[in-house]
Amino acid sequence: YSGIAEEAPGSYKDVAEVVDSADHANLARKVARVRPLACVKG
């Protein structure tokens, strides 16, 4: 199917910016920074 749309990477927000905003607004508290070890698609 040529009409199937893929996800647009530009539609996602920067995670660090969202976390910083939540921290500054006292909605959440930073406790750890994590990074992915693997990605499974299927």
PDB file of N, CA and C in Angstrom:
ATOM      1  N   TYR A   1       0.834  -1.184   0.000  1.00  0.00           N
ATOM      2  CA  TYR A   1       0.000   0.000   0.000  1.00  0.00           C
ATOM      3  C   TYR A   1       0.879   1.248   0.000  1.00  0.00           C
ATOM      4  N   SER A   2       0.747   2.051  -0.989  1.00  0.00           N
ATOM      5  CA  SER A   2       1.568   3.262  -1.039  1.00  0.00           C
ATOM      6  C   SER A   2       0.966   4.402  -0.229  1.00  0.00           C
ATOM      7  N   GLY A   3      -0.281   4.272   0.209  1.00  0.00           N
ATOM      8  CA  GLY A   3      -0.940   5.344   0.947  1.00  0.00           C
ATOM      9  C   GLY A   3      -0.791   5.249   2.454  1.00  0.00           C
ATOM     10  N   ILE A   4      -0.058   4.254   2.944  1.00  0.00           N
ATOM     11  CA  ILE A   4       0.109   4.098   4.390  1.00  0.00           C
ATOM     12  C   ILE A   4       1.099   5.148   4.894  1.00  0.00           C
ATOM     13  N   ALA A   5       0.694   5.878   5.912  1.00  0.00           N
ATOM     14  CA  ALA A   5       1.545   6.943   6.454  1.00  0.00           C
ATOM     15  C   ALA A   5       2.449   6.399   7.551  1.00  0.00           C
ATOM     16  N   GLU A   6       3.648   6.883   7.585  1.00  0.00           N
ATOM     17  CA  GLU A   6       4.598   6.541   8.643  1.00  0.00           C
ATOM     18  C   GLU A   6       4.519   7.595   9.739  1.00  0.00           C
ATOM     19  N   GLU A   7       5.111   7.303  10.885  1.00  0.00           N
ATOM     20  CA  GLU A   7       5.158   8.288  11.966  1.00  0.00           C
ATOM     21  C   GLU A   7       6.074   9.437  11.569  1.00  0.00           C
ATOM     22  N   ALA A   8       5.686  10.633  11.966  1.00  0.00           N
ATOM     23  CA  ALA A   8       6.491  11.819  11.664  1.00  0.00           C
ATOM     24  C   ALA A   8       7.376  12.141  12.858  1.00  0.00           C
ATOM     25  N   PRO A   9       8.695  12.028  12.728  1.00  0.00           N
ATOM     26  CA  PRO A   9       9.591  12.305  13.857  1.00  0.00           C
ATOM     27  C   PRO A   9       9.450  13.727  14.388  1.00  0.00           C
ATOM     28  N   GLY A  10       9.063  14.665  13.550  1.00  0.00           N
ATOM     29  CA  GLY A  10       8.910  16.050  13.973  1.00  0.00           C
ATOM     30  C   GLY A  10       7.735  16.288  14.896  1.00  0.00           C
ATOM     31  N   SER A  11       6.854  15.288  15.029  1.00  0.00           N
ATOM     32  CA  SER A  11       5.678  15.467  15.886  1.00  0.00           C
ATOM     33  C   SER A  11       5.978  15.164  17.351  1.00  0.00           C
ATOM     34  N   TYR A  12       7.156  14.647  17.644  1.00  0.00           N
ATOM     35  CA  TYR A  12       7.525  14.328  19.019  1.00  0.00           C
ATOM     36  C   TYR A  12       8.279  15.487  19.658  1.00  0.00           C
ATOM     37  N   LYS A  13       8.041  15.701  20.953  1.00  0.00           N
ATOM     38  CA  LYS A  13       8.744  16.755  21.686  1.00  0.00           C
ATOM     39  C   LYS A  13      10.044  16.204  22.263  1.00  0.00           C
ATOM     40  N   ASP A  14      10.979  17.098  22.533  1.00  0.00           N
ATOM     41  CA  ASP A  14      12.242  16.722  23.157  1.00  0.00           C
ATOM     42  C   ASP A  14      11.962  16.307  24.604  1.00  0.00           C
ATOM     43  N   VAL A  15      12.325  15.092  24.967  1.00  0.00           N
ATOM     44  CA  VAL A  15      12.030  14.558  26.296  1.00  0.00           C
ATOM     45  C   VAL A  15      12.674  15.401  27.389  1.00  0.00           C
ATOM     46  N   ALA A  16      13.903  15.820  27.191  1.00  0.00           N
ATOM     47  CA  ALA A  16      14.599  16.617  28.211  1.00  0.00           C
ATOM     48  C   ALA A  16      13.869  17.931  28.462  1.00  0.00           C
ATOM     49  N   GLU A  17      13.355  18.544  27.413  1.00  0.00           N
ATOM     50  CA  GLU A  17      12.625  19.809  27.559  1.00  0.00           C
ATOM     51  C   GLU A  17      11.321  19.604  28.330  1.00  0.00           C
ATOM     52  N   VAL A  18      10.619  18.517  28.055  1.00  0.00           N
ATOM     53  CA  VAL A  18       9.369  18.220  28.756  1.00  0.00           C
ATOM     54  C   VAL A  18       9.639  17.942  30.231  1.00  0.00           C
ATOM     55  N   VAL A  19      10.668  17.157  30.526  1.00  0.00           N
ATOM     56  CA  VAL A  19      11.008  16.827  31.909  1.00  0.00           C
ATOM     57  C   VAL A  19      11.436  18.078  32.668  1.00  0.00           C
ATOM     58  N   ASP A  20      12.244  18.921  32.037  1.00  0.00           N
ATOM     59  CA  ASP A  20      12.662  20.171  32.684  1.00  0.00           C
ATOM     60  C   ASP A  20      11.460  21.059  32.993  1.00  0.00           C
ATOM     61  N   SER A  21      10.519  21.155  32.061  1.00  0.00           N
ATOM     62  CA  SER A  21       9.321  21.973  32.280  1.00  0.00           C
ATOM     63  C   SER A  21       8.493  21.433  33.438  1.00  0.00           C
ATOM     64  N   ALA A  22       8.314  20.119  33.495  1.00  0.00           N
ATOM     65  CA  ALA A  22       7.551  19.508  34.585  1.00  0.00           C
ATOM     66  C   ALA A  22       8.258  19.700  35.921  1.00  0.00           C
ATOM     67  N   ASP A  23       9.584  19.625  35.921  1.00  0.00           N
ATOM     68  CA  ASP A  23      10.360  19.818  37.147  1.00  0.00           C
ATOM     69  C   ASP A  23      10.249  21.263  37.636  1.00  0.00           C
ATOM     70  N   HIS A  24      10.385  22.218  36.739  1.00  0.00           N
ATOM     71  CA  HIS A  24      10.311  23.635  37.119  1.00  0.00           C
ATOM     72  C   HIS A  24       8.915  24.027  37.589  1.00  0.00           C
ATOM     73  N   ALA A  25       7.875  23.352  37.070  1.00  0.00           N
ATOM     74  CA  ALA A  25       6.499  23.656  37.464  1.00  0.00           C
ATOM     75  C   ALA A  25       6.074  22.868  38.703  1.00  0.00           C
ATOM     76  N   ASN A  26       7.009  22.112  39.295  1.00  0.00           N
ATOM     77  CA  ASN A  26       6.737  21.266  40.465  1.00  0.00           C
ATOM     78  C   ASN A  26       5.634  20.239  40.211  1.00  0.00           C
ATOM     79  N   LEU A  27       5.553  19.755  38.971  1.00  0.00           N
ATOM     80  CA  LEU A  27       4.607  18.692  38.628  1.00  0.00           C
ATOM     81  C   LEU A  27       5.261  17.321  38.772  1.00  0.00           C
ATOM     82  N   ALA A  28       6.575  17.306  38.694  1.00  0.00           N
ATOM     83  CA  ALA A  28       7.330  16.056  38.789  1.00  0.00           C
ATOM     84  C   ALA A  28       8.706  16.377  39.344  1.00  0.00           C
ATOM     85  N   ARG A  29       9.420  15.328  39.729  1.00  0.00           N
ATOM     86  CA  ARG A  29      10.762  15.491  40.277  1.00  0.00           C
ATOM     87  C   ARG A  29      11.708  14.579  39.511  1.00  0.00           C
ATOM     88  N   LYS A  30      12.825  15.120  39.072  1.00  0.00           N
ATOM     89  CA  LYS A  30      13.818  14.308  38.364  1.00  0.00           C
ATOM     90  C   LYS A  30      14.488  13.369  39.362  1.00  0.00           C
ATOM     91  N   VAL A  31      14.576  12.096  39.012  1.00  0.00           N
ATOM     92  CA  VAL A  31      15.250  11.139  39.890  1.00  0.00           C
ATOM     93  C   VAL A  31      16.360  10.376  39.173  1.00  0.00           C
ATOM     94  N   ALA A  32      16.246  10.186  37.865  1.00  0.00           N
ATOM     95  CA  ALA A  32      17.268   9.438  37.129  1.00  0.00           C
ATOM     96  C   ALA A  32      17.176   9.759  35.648  1.00  0.00           C
ATOM     97  N   ARG A  33      18.299   9.602  34.972  1.00  0.00           N
ATOM     98  CA  ARG A  33      18.309   9.731  33.514  1.00  0.00           C
ATOM     99  C   ARG A  33      18.624   8.344  32.967  1.00  0.00           C
ATOM    100  N   VAL A  34      17.811   7.865  32.071  1.00  0.00           N
ATOM    101  CA  VAL A  34      17.987   6.518  31.530  1.00  0.00           C
ATOM    102  C   VAL A  34      18.252   6.595  30.028  1.00  0.00           C
ATOM    103  N   ARG A  35      18.817   5.527  29.495  1.00  0.00           N
ATOM    104  CA  ARG A  35      19.020   5.443  28.056  1.00  0.00           C
ATOM    105  C   ARG A  35      18.650   4.038  27.603  1.00  0.00           C
ATOM    106  N   PRO A  36      18.115   3.909  26.408  1.00  0.00           N
ATOM    107  CA  PRO A  36      17.697   2.591  25.928  1.00  0.00           C
ATOM    108  C   PRO A  36      18.893   1.673  25.669  1.00  0.00           C
ATOM    109  N   LEU A  37      18.712   0.404  25.977  1.00  0.00           N
ATOM    110  CA  LEU A  37      19.755  -0.590  25.716  1.00  0.00           C
ATOM    111  C   LEU A  37      19.486  -1.347  24.422  1.00  0.00           C
ATOM    112  N   ALA A  38      18.205  -1.486  24.067  1.00  0.00           N
ATOM    113  CA  ALA A  38      17.835  -2.219  22.861  1.00  0.00           C
ATOM    114  C   ALA A  38      16.484  -1.733  22.365  1.00  0.00           C
ATOM    115  N   CYS A  39      16.217  -1.992  21.105  1.00  0.00           N
ATOM    116  CA  CYS A  39      14.935  -1.633  20.511  1.00  0.00           C
ATOM    117  C   CYS A  39      14.446  -2.849  19.729  1.00  0.00           C
ATOM    118  N   VAL A  40      13.245  -3.313  20.039  1.00  0.00           N
ATOM    119  CA  VAL A  40      12.677  -4.474  19.364  1.00  0.00           C
ATOM    120  C   VAL A  40      11.493  -4.010  18.535  1.00  0.00           C
ATOM    121  N   LYS A  41      11.526  -4.290  17.257  1.00  0.00           N
ATOM    122  CA  LYS A  41      10.421  -3.920  16.373  1.00  0.00           C
ATOM    123  C   LYS A  41       9.752  -5.203  15.900  1.00  0.00           C
ATOM    124  N   GLY A  42       8.451  -5.109  15.777  1.00  0.00           N
ATOM    125  CA  GLY A  42       7.789  -6.304  15.258  1.00  0.00           C
ATOM    126  C   GLY A  42       6.331  -6.326  15.471  1.00  0.00           C
TER     127      GLY A  42
END
